[in-house]
Structure formats: C-alpha cells, structure tokens
Amino acid sequence: MWRTTEMTAVDERGMAEFFAGFEPPDGIKAELLRGEVVMMSSPDLVHNRIVAEVQDQIPHRRWERLQTQDVDIIDEASEPVPDLVVLERGVSPESGRLLPSRLVTLVVKVVSKTSVDRDYGVKRSVYAAGKVPAYLIVDPVMAQCVLLTEPQGVGDAADYQVQRITKFGDPVPLDQLDVGLDTSEFGTLPGVRPHRRP
C-alpha cells in the first residue's frame, strides 16, 4: 500500500479537475476521497478471490457487475473506486470514466490491512452522500461482512441508517438484488491484527 498523499486545491472543483487528468503509475489504483488522492498497490489473492465470488453470485442477466469502476459522487470532491459496482442492466451510459452514483444499486469493498479506516469511515460517508442504496464491506481481517443500507444526510454528515454484520459462513441477504450471498468460500488474511471497526 502506498502512503496516502493529501493535496490541497483552491476549491473542490479544481481538485476534481486535477484528478480527472491524473495518471497513476502502472499497477497502482488511485481514487479521490473528499479532496485526498489515495493510491493503492495491487491487492492480495484473498481480496481478488472474494471479489470474484461475490460477482459470480450476482445474476448477470439482470445486473451489470463492474470491477474497479470510478463512481461520481454528486456535490463531492470524491471519485471512489469500489472493488465491485452493481447496477441494473440498461441504465449506465455507453462509455465514460465516471459512473453517476444515482445509477448504482450496490458497491462492494473488500478490506485490506491498510484500508480499514477508509473503508469503514470516509467511504461509508461518501457512498451515503451519493445515495448509493447499499454498501457491502467484506472484511477478511475480521471474517465478516457489513451491509449498510438506507443512506441519509449530505456531505460529511451523511451516513447509513441500517447496519447488518454477518460472519463468514453465514449468508448475507442482499435484498436490493434479491440475492442471498454465500460467504462460506470467503478467505481471510492470515497474520493481520484484528481491528475495532465498525
């Protein structure tokens, strides 16, 4: 994981414009979170396998399942890049780098040992501000899934009103997709110290 690089801009629009033209080095993923550019190196195999497991369980005939798609959060200097974005087929634009958050039904983030605070903290608020109906945090450190629903509020005060924690091995009801997510094959990250989130 690369260190977070905070950049200051005259205004949030200027920061978003800078980020639109920013090209991270090969093998590095970058996202904009409330004016802060965050760069991450390639993920662990445990991470990638979980993303594939989740994607495979979401019916592709009804749902578009996009990996590492930039999401545009209205009225925010944020362009997060979830591990998986799920939206109804036929509602997305034909092309473009940014997918408007109002079109998204579910975002999925698999926690890494260095992303815990962002995934449970600022991203929770950012996705709630973008009115994304459901945010699923899959946590291979704590062997649990946290499903957040019913977003309310704006800006830094935005949050999800409902939180459901499910241990790996138990199904996660994704009512928004009419799917019961099987977590029995989700791996964990060995040797990583447990955290105290959510």
C-alpha atoms as a PDB file:
ATOM      1  CA  MET A   1       0.000   0.000   0.000  1.00  0.00           C
ATOM      2  CA  TRP A   2       1.278   3.415  -0.859  1.00  0.00           C
ATOM      3  CA  ARG A   3       1.060   6.208   1.628  1.00  0.00           C
ATOM      4  CA  THR A   4      -1.894   8.496   1.237  1.00  0.00           C
ATOM      5  CA  THR A   5      -0.962  11.746  -0.454  1.00  0.00           C
ATOM      6  CA  GLU A   6      -3.072  14.720   0.526  1.00  0.00           C
ATOM      7  CA  MET A   7      -3.213  17.562  -1.936  1.00  0.00           C
ATOM      8  CA  THR A   8      -4.686  20.977  -1.335  1.00  0.00           C
ATOM      9  CA  ALA A   9      -6.638  22.785  -4.019  1.00  0.00           C
ATOM     10  CA  VAL A  10      -8.204  26.232  -4.124  1.00  0.00           C
ATOM     11  CA  ASP A  11     -11.617  24.579  -4.362  1.00  0.00           C
ATOM     12  CA  GLU A  12     -13.037  21.089  -4.673  1.00  0.00           C
ATOM     13  CA  ARG A  13     -13.835  21.569  -8.369  1.00  0.00           C
ATOM     14  CA  GLY A  14     -10.170  22.295  -9.025  1.00  0.00           C
ATOM     15  CA  MET A  15      -9.190  19.107  -7.243  1.00  0.00           C
ATOM     16  CA  ALA A  16     -11.688  17.064  -9.260  1.00  0.00           C
ATOM     17  CA  GLU A  17     -10.349  18.593 -12.470  1.00  0.00           C
ATOM     18  CA  PHE A  18      -6.771  17.757 -11.447  1.00  0.00           C
ATOM     19  CA  PHE A  19      -7.751  14.173 -10.633  1.00  0.00           C
ATOM     20  CA  ALA A  20      -9.559  13.708 -13.963  1.00  0.00           C
ATOM     21  CA  GLY A  21      -6.225  14.147 -15.751  1.00  0.00           C
ATOM     22  CA  PHE A  22      -4.107  12.262 -13.206  1.00  0.00           C
ATOM     23  CA  GLU A  23      -2.460   9.049 -14.438  1.00  0.00           C
ATOM     24  CA  PRO A  24      -1.136   6.809 -11.647  1.00  0.00           C
ATOM     25  CA  PRO A  25       1.894   4.593 -12.323  1.00  0.00           C
ATOM     26  CA  ASP A  26       1.304   1.108 -13.763  1.00  0.00           C
ATOM     27  CA  GLY A  27      -0.040  -1.349 -11.198  1.00  0.00           C
ATOM     28  CA  ILE A  28      -1.357   1.432  -8.964  1.00  0.00           C
ATOM     29  CA  LYS A  29      -5.023   2.272  -8.387  1.00  0.00           C
ATOM     30  CA  ALA A  30      -5.897   5.840  -7.374  1.00  0.00           C
ATOM     31  CA  GLU A  31      -9.127   7.318  -6.048  1.00  0.00           C
ATOM     32  CA  LEU A  32     -10.244  10.747  -4.872  1.00  0.00           C
ATOM     33  CA  LEU A  33     -11.868  10.846  -1.413  1.00  0.00           C
ATOM     34  CA  ARG A  34     -13.025  14.289  -0.311  1.00  0.00           C
ATOM     35  CA  GLY A  35     -10.094  16.069  -1.877  1.00  0.00           C
ATOM     36  CA  GLU A  36      -7.492  13.459  -0.892  1.00  0.00           C
ATOM     37  CA  VAL A  37      -5.761  11.328  -3.528  1.00  0.00           C
ATOM     38  CA  VAL A  38      -5.302   7.771  -2.257  1.00  0.00           C
ATOM     39  CA  MET A  39      -3.047   5.371  -4.155  1.00  0.00           C
ATOM     40  CA  MET A  40      -3.015   1.610  -3.592  1.00  0.00           C
ATOM     41  CA  SER A  41      -0.872  -1.190  -4.944  1.00  0.00           C
ATOM     42  CA  SER A  42      -2.265  -4.405  -6.399  1.00  0.00           C
ATOM     43  CA  PRO A  43      -4.460  -6.382  -3.977  1.00  0.00           C
ATOM     44  CA  ASP A  44      -3.868  -9.741  -2.295  1.00  0.00           C
ATOM     45  CA  LEU A  45      -5.131 -13.001  -3.825  1.00  0.00           C
ATOM     46  CA  VAL A  46      -7.613 -13.344  -0.934  1.00  0.00           C
ATOM     47  CA  HIS A  47      -9.072  -9.991  -1.973  1.00  0.00           C
ATOM     48  CA  ASN A  48      -9.376 -10.890  -5.660  1.00  0.00           C
ATOM     49  CA  ARG A  49     -10.957 -14.263  -4.941  1.00  0.00           C
ATOM     50  CA  ILE A  50     -13.605 -12.674  -2.721  1.00  0.00           C
ATOM     51  CA  VAL A  51     -14.467 -10.114  -5.412  1.00  0.00           C
ATOM     52  CA  ALA A  52     -14.807 -12.941  -7.957  1.00  0.00           C
ATOM     53  CA  GLU A  53     -17.002 -14.973  -5.545  1.00  0.00           C
ATOM     54  CA  VAL A  54     -19.334 -12.020  -4.989  1.00  0.00           C
ATOM     55  CA  GLN A  55     -19.526 -11.165  -8.688  1.00  0.00           C
ATOM     56  CA  ASP A  56     -20.281 -14.772  -9.662  1.00  0.00           C
ATOM     57  CA  GLN A  57     -23.286 -14.866  -7.307  1.00  0.00           C
ATOM     58  CA  ILE A  58     -24.980 -11.796  -8.773  1.00  0.00           C
ATOM     59  CA  PRO A  59     -27.152 -12.740 -11.790  1.00  0.00           C
ATOM     60  CA  HIS A  60     -25.580 -11.119 -14.851  1.00  0.00           C
ATOM     61  CA  ARG A  61     -28.780 -11.156 -16.917  1.00  0.00           C
ATOM     62  CA  ARG A  62     -30.383  -8.560 -14.641  1.00  0.00           C
ATOM     63  CA  TRP A  63     -27.360  -6.838 -13.100  1.00  0.00           C
ATOM     64  CA  GLU A  64     -24.280  -5.219 -14.548  1.00  0.00           C
ATOM     65  CA  ARG A  65     -21.260  -6.085 -12.347  1.00  0.00           C
ATOM     66  CA  LEU A  66     -18.297  -3.801 -12.914  1.00  0.00           C
ATOM     67  CA  GLN A  67     -14.917  -4.124 -11.217  1.00  0.00           C
ATOM     68  CA  THR A  68     -12.859  -1.053 -10.283  1.00  0.00           C
ATOM     69  CA  GLN A  69     -15.280   1.420 -11.889  1.00  0.00           C
ATOM     70  CA  ASP A  70     -14.871   5.079 -10.889  1.00  0.00           C
ATOM     71  CA  VAL A  71     -18.037   6.421  -9.268  1.00  0.00           C
ATOM     72  CA  ASP A  72     -19.058  10.080  -9.457  1.00  0.00           C
ATOM     73  CA  ILE A  73     -20.487  11.331  -6.166  1.00  0.00           C
ATOM     74  CA  ILE A  74     -22.600  14.444  -6.805  1.00  0.00           C
ATOM     75  CA  ASP A  75     -21.600  17.548  -4.815  1.00  0.00           C
ATOM     76  CA  GLU A  76     -18.465  15.811  -3.516  1.00  0.00           C
ATOM     77  CA  ALA A  77     -14.768  16.084  -4.389  1.00  0.00           C
ATOM     78  CA  SER A  78     -14.831  12.281  -4.417  1.00  0.00           C
ATOM     79  CA  GLU A  79     -14.398   9.676  -7.120  1.00  0.00           C
ATOM     80  CA  PRO A  80     -14.132   6.396  -5.205  1.00  0.00           C
ATOM     81  CA  VAL A  81     -13.238   3.156  -6.958  1.00  0.00           C
ATOM     82  CA  PRO A  82     -15.089   0.263  -5.297  1.00  0.00           C
ATOM     83  CA  ASP A  83     -13.961  -3.301  -5.901  1.00  0.00           C
ATOM     84  CA  LEU A  84     -17.355  -4.039  -7.441  1.00  0.00           C
ATOM     85  CA  VAL A  85     -20.207  -1.808  -8.624  1.00  0.00           C
ATOM     86  CA  VAL A  86     -23.637  -3.340  -9.267  1.00  0.00           C
ATOM     87  CA  LEU A  87     -26.385  -1.608 -11.241  1.00  0.00           C
ATOM     88  CA  GLU A  88     -29.398  -2.628 -13.281  1.00  0.00           C
ATOM     89  CA  ARG A  89     -28.699  -3.533 -16.880  1.00  0.00           C
ATOM     90  CA  GLY A  90     -29.503  -0.823 -19.372  1.00  0.00           C
ATOM     91  CA  VAL A  91     -29.197   2.204 -17.077  1.00  0.00           C
ATOM     92  CA  SER A  92     -25.498   3.021 -17.496  1.00  0.00           C
ATOM     93  CA  PRO A  93     -24.063   5.360 -20.136  1.00  0.00           C
ATOM     94  CA  GLU A  94     -22.480   3.841 -23.245  1.00  0.00           C
ATOM     95  CA  SER A  95     -18.994   4.999 -22.284  1.00  0.00           C
ATOM     96  CA  GLY A  96     -17.073   7.250 -19.919  1.00  0.00           C
ATOM     97  CA  ARG A  97     -14.770   7.005 -16.921  1.00  0.00           C
ATOM     98  CA  LEU A  98     -17.275   8.085 -14.271  1.00  0.00           C
ATOM     99  CA  LEU A  99     -20.492   6.288 -13.357  1.00  0.00           C
ATOM    100  CA  PRO A 100     -23.044   8.546 -11.587  1.00  0.00           C
ATOM    101  CA  SER A 101     -23.762   7.256  -8.074  1.00  0.00           C
ATOM    102  CA  ARG A 102     -27.530   7.689  -8.619  1.00  0.00           C
ATOM    103  CA  LEU A 103     -27.407   4.744 -11.055  1.00  0.00           C
ATOM    104  CA  VAL A 104     -25.676   2.380  -8.617  1.00  0.00           C
ATOM    105  CA  THR A 105     -27.594  -0.195  -6.551  1.00  0.00           C
ATOM    106  CA  LEU A 106     -24.691  -1.718  -4.584  1.00  0.00           C
ATOM    107  CA  VAL A 107     -20.994  -1.057  -4.070  1.00  0.00           C
ATOM    108  CA  VAL A 108     -18.676  -3.716  -2.645  1.00  0.00           C
ATOM    109  CA  LYS A 109     -15.347  -3.084  -0.926  1.00  0.00           C
ATOM    110  CA  VAL A 110     -13.025  -5.827   0.286  1.00  0.00           C
ATOM    111  CA  VAL A 111     -10.949  -4.568   3.210  1.00  0.00           C
ATOM    112  CA  SER A 112      -7.155  -4.770   3.101  1.00  0.00           C
ATOM    113  CA  LYS A 113      -4.919  -4.463   6.140  1.00  0.00           C
ATOM    114  CA  THR A 114      -4.188  -0.821   5.282  1.00  0.00           C
ATOM    115  CA  SER A 115      -7.647   0.310   4.124  1.00  0.00           C
ATOM    116  CA  VAL A 116      -9.730  -0.436   7.237  1.00  0.00           C
ATOM    117  CA  ASP A 117     -10.255   3.148   8.414  1.00  0.00           C
ATOM    118  CA  ARG A 118     -11.106   4.474   4.938  1.00  0.00           C
ATOM    119  CA  ASP A 119     -13.452   1.589   4.099  1.00  0.00           C
ATOM    120  CA  TYR A 120     -15.390   1.787   7.371  1.00  0.00           C
ATOM    121  CA  GLY A 121     -15.097   5.569   7.736  1.00  0.00           C
ATOM    122  CA  VAL A 122     -14.839   8.071   4.915  1.00  0.00           C
ATOM    123  CA  LYS A 123     -16.151   5.715   2.208  1.00  0.00           C
ATOM    124  CA  ARG A 124     -19.202   4.918   4.311  1.00  0.00           C
ATOM    125  CA  SER A 125     -19.992   8.627   4.446  1.00  0.00           C
ATOM    126  CA  VAL A 126     -19.096   9.251   0.783  1.00  0.00           C
ATOM    127  CA  TYR A 127     -21.364   6.472  -0.539  1.00  0.00           C
ATOM    128  CA  ALA A 128     -24.185   7.576   1.772  1.00  0.00           C
ATOM    129  CA  ALA A 129     -23.793  11.156   0.475  1.00  0.00           C
ATOM    130  CA  GLY A 130     -24.036   9.727  -3.052  1.00  0.00           C
ATOM    131  CA  LYS A 131     -27.302   7.976  -2.083  1.00  0.00           C
ATOM    132  CA  VAL A 132     -25.952   4.541  -3.036  1.00  0.00           C
ATOM    133  CA  PRO A 133     -28.689   2.253  -1.629  1.00  0.00           C
ATOM    134  CA  ALA A 134     -26.330  -0.419  -0.291  1.00  0.00           C
ATOM    135  CA  TYR A 135     -22.639  -0.567   0.630  1.00  0.00           C
ATOM    136  CA  LEU A 136     -21.202  -4.013   1.383  1.00  0.00           C
ATOM    137  CA  ILE A 137     -17.907  -4.164   3.253  1.00  0.00           C
ATOM    138  CA  VAL A 138     -16.327  -7.611   3.054  1.00  0.00           C
ATOM    139  CA  ASP A 139     -13.704  -7.842   5.778  1.00  0.00           C
ATOM    140  CA  PRO A 140     -11.206 -10.739   5.518  1.00  0.00           C
ATOM    141  CA  VAL A 141      -9.370  -9.397   8.581  1.00  0.00           C
ATOM    142  CA  MET A 142     -12.376  -9.915  10.878  1.00  0.00           C
ATOM    143  CA  ALA A 143     -14.047 -12.655   8.754  1.00  0.00           C
ATOM    144  CA  GLN A 144     -17.271 -10.670   8.478  1.00  0.00           C
ATOM    145  CA  CYS A 145     -19.469  -8.750   6.068  1.00  0.00           C
ATOM    146  CA  VAL A 146     -21.025  -5.407   6.990  1.00  0.00           C
ATOM    147  CA  LEU A 147     -24.041  -4.427   4.905  1.00  0.00           C
ATOM    148  CA  LEU A 148     -25.016  -0.758   5.146  1.00  0.00           C
ATOM    149  CA  THR A 149     -28.384   0.442   3.812  1.00  0.00           C
ATOM    150  CA  GLU A 150     -30.763   3.431   3.947  1.00  0.00           C
ATOM    151  CA  PRO A 151     -28.421   6.357   3.242  1.00  0.00           C
ATOM    152  CA  GLN A 152     -29.331   9.733   4.720  1.00  0.00           C
ATOM    153  CA  GLY A 153     -27.758  13.157   5.021  1.00  0.00           C
ATOM    154  CA  VAL A 154     -25.335  15.222   2.965  1.00  0.00           C
ATOM    155  CA  GLY A 155     -21.599  15.831   2.950  1.00  0.00           C
ATOM    156  CA  ASP A 156     -19.577  14.769   5.966  1.00  0.00           C
ATOM    157  CA  ALA A 157     -22.794  14.198   7.952  1.00  0.00           C
ATOM    158  CA  ALA A 158     -24.110  11.571   5.519  1.00  0.00           C
ATOM    159  CA  ASP A 159     -24.362   8.027   6.864  1.00  0.00           C
ATOM    160  CA  TYR A 160     -26.251   4.774   6.521  1.00  0.00           C
ATOM    161  CA  GLN A 161     -29.067   4.224   8.999  1.00  0.00           C
ATOM    162  CA  VAL A 162     -29.063   0.413   8.948  1.00  0.00           C
ATOM    163  CA  GLN A 163     -26.054  -1.834   9.567  1.00  0.00           C
ATOM    164  CA  ARG A 164     -26.070  -5.627   9.464  1.00  0.00           C
ATOM    165  CA  ILE A 165     -22.985  -7.665  10.425  1.00  0.00           C
ATOM    166  CA  THR A 166     -22.703 -11.258   9.205  1.00  0.00           C
ATOM    167  CA  LYS A 167     -19.834 -13.648   9.985  1.00  0.00           C
ATOM    168  CA  PHE A 168     -18.194 -15.528   7.108  1.00  0.00           C
ATOM    169  CA  GLY A 169     -20.026 -18.805   6.615  1.00  0.00           C
ATOM    170  CA  ASP A 170     -23.484 -17.275   7.086  1.00  0.00           C
ATOM    171  CA  PRO A 171     -25.464 -15.907   4.131  1.00  0.00           C
ATOM    172  CA  VAL A 172     -25.773 -12.159   3.598  1.00  0.00           C
ATOM    173  CA  PRO A 173     -29.256 -11.140   2.411  1.00  0.00           C
ATOM    174  CA  LEU A 174     -28.788  -8.619  -0.404  1.00  0.00           C
ATOM    175  CA  ASP A 175     -32.462  -7.679  -0.642  1.00  0.00           C
ATOM    176  CA  GLN A 176     -31.714  -4.908  -3.158  1.00  0.00           C
ATOM    177  CA  LEU A 177     -30.565  -7.606  -5.621  1.00  0.00           C
ATOM    178  CA  ASP A 178     -32.857 -10.402  -4.411  1.00  0.00           C
ATOM    179  CA  VAL A 179     -29.725 -12.456  -3.659  1.00  0.00           C
ATOM    180  CA  GLY A 180     -28.597 -14.431  -0.622  1.00  0.00           C
ATOM    181  CA  LEU A 181     -24.808 -14.085  -0.741  1.00  0.00           C
ATOM    182  CA  ASP A 182     -22.958 -17.300   0.180  1.00  0.00           C
ATOM    183  CA  THR A 183     -19.847 -16.348   2.180  1.00  0.00           C
ATOM    184  CA  SER A 184     -18.661 -19.860   3.008  1.00  0.00           C
ATOM    185  CA  GLU A 185     -15.801 -19.714   0.464  1.00  0.00           C
ATOM    186  CA  PHE A 186     -14.500 -16.288   1.521  1.00  0.00           C
ATOM    187  CA  GLY A 187     -10.862 -16.422   2.639  1.00  0.00           C
ATOM    188  CA  THR A 188      -9.206 -14.482   5.451  1.00  0.00           C
ATOM    189  CA  LEU A 189      -5.940 -12.585   5.720  1.00  0.00           C
ATOM    190  CA  PRO A 190      -3.574 -14.527   7.986  1.00  0.00           C
ATOM    191  CA  GLY A 191      -1.305 -12.769  10.443  1.00  0.00           C
ATOM    192  CA  VAL A 192      -3.151  -9.433  10.343  1.00  0.00           C
ATOM    193  CA  ARG A 193      -4.008  -7.841  13.679  1.00  0.00           C
ATOM    194  CA  PRO A 194      -7.767  -7.564  14.308  1.00  0.00           C
ATOM    195  CA  HIS A 195      -9.216  -4.048  14.320  1.00  0.00           C
ATOM    196  CA  ARG A 196     -12.055  -2.439  16.277  1.00  0.00           C
ATOM    197  CA  ARG A 197     -14.251  -1.301  13.406  1.00  0.00           C
ATOM    198  CA  PRO A 198     -17.139  -0.856  12.652  1.00  0.00           C
END
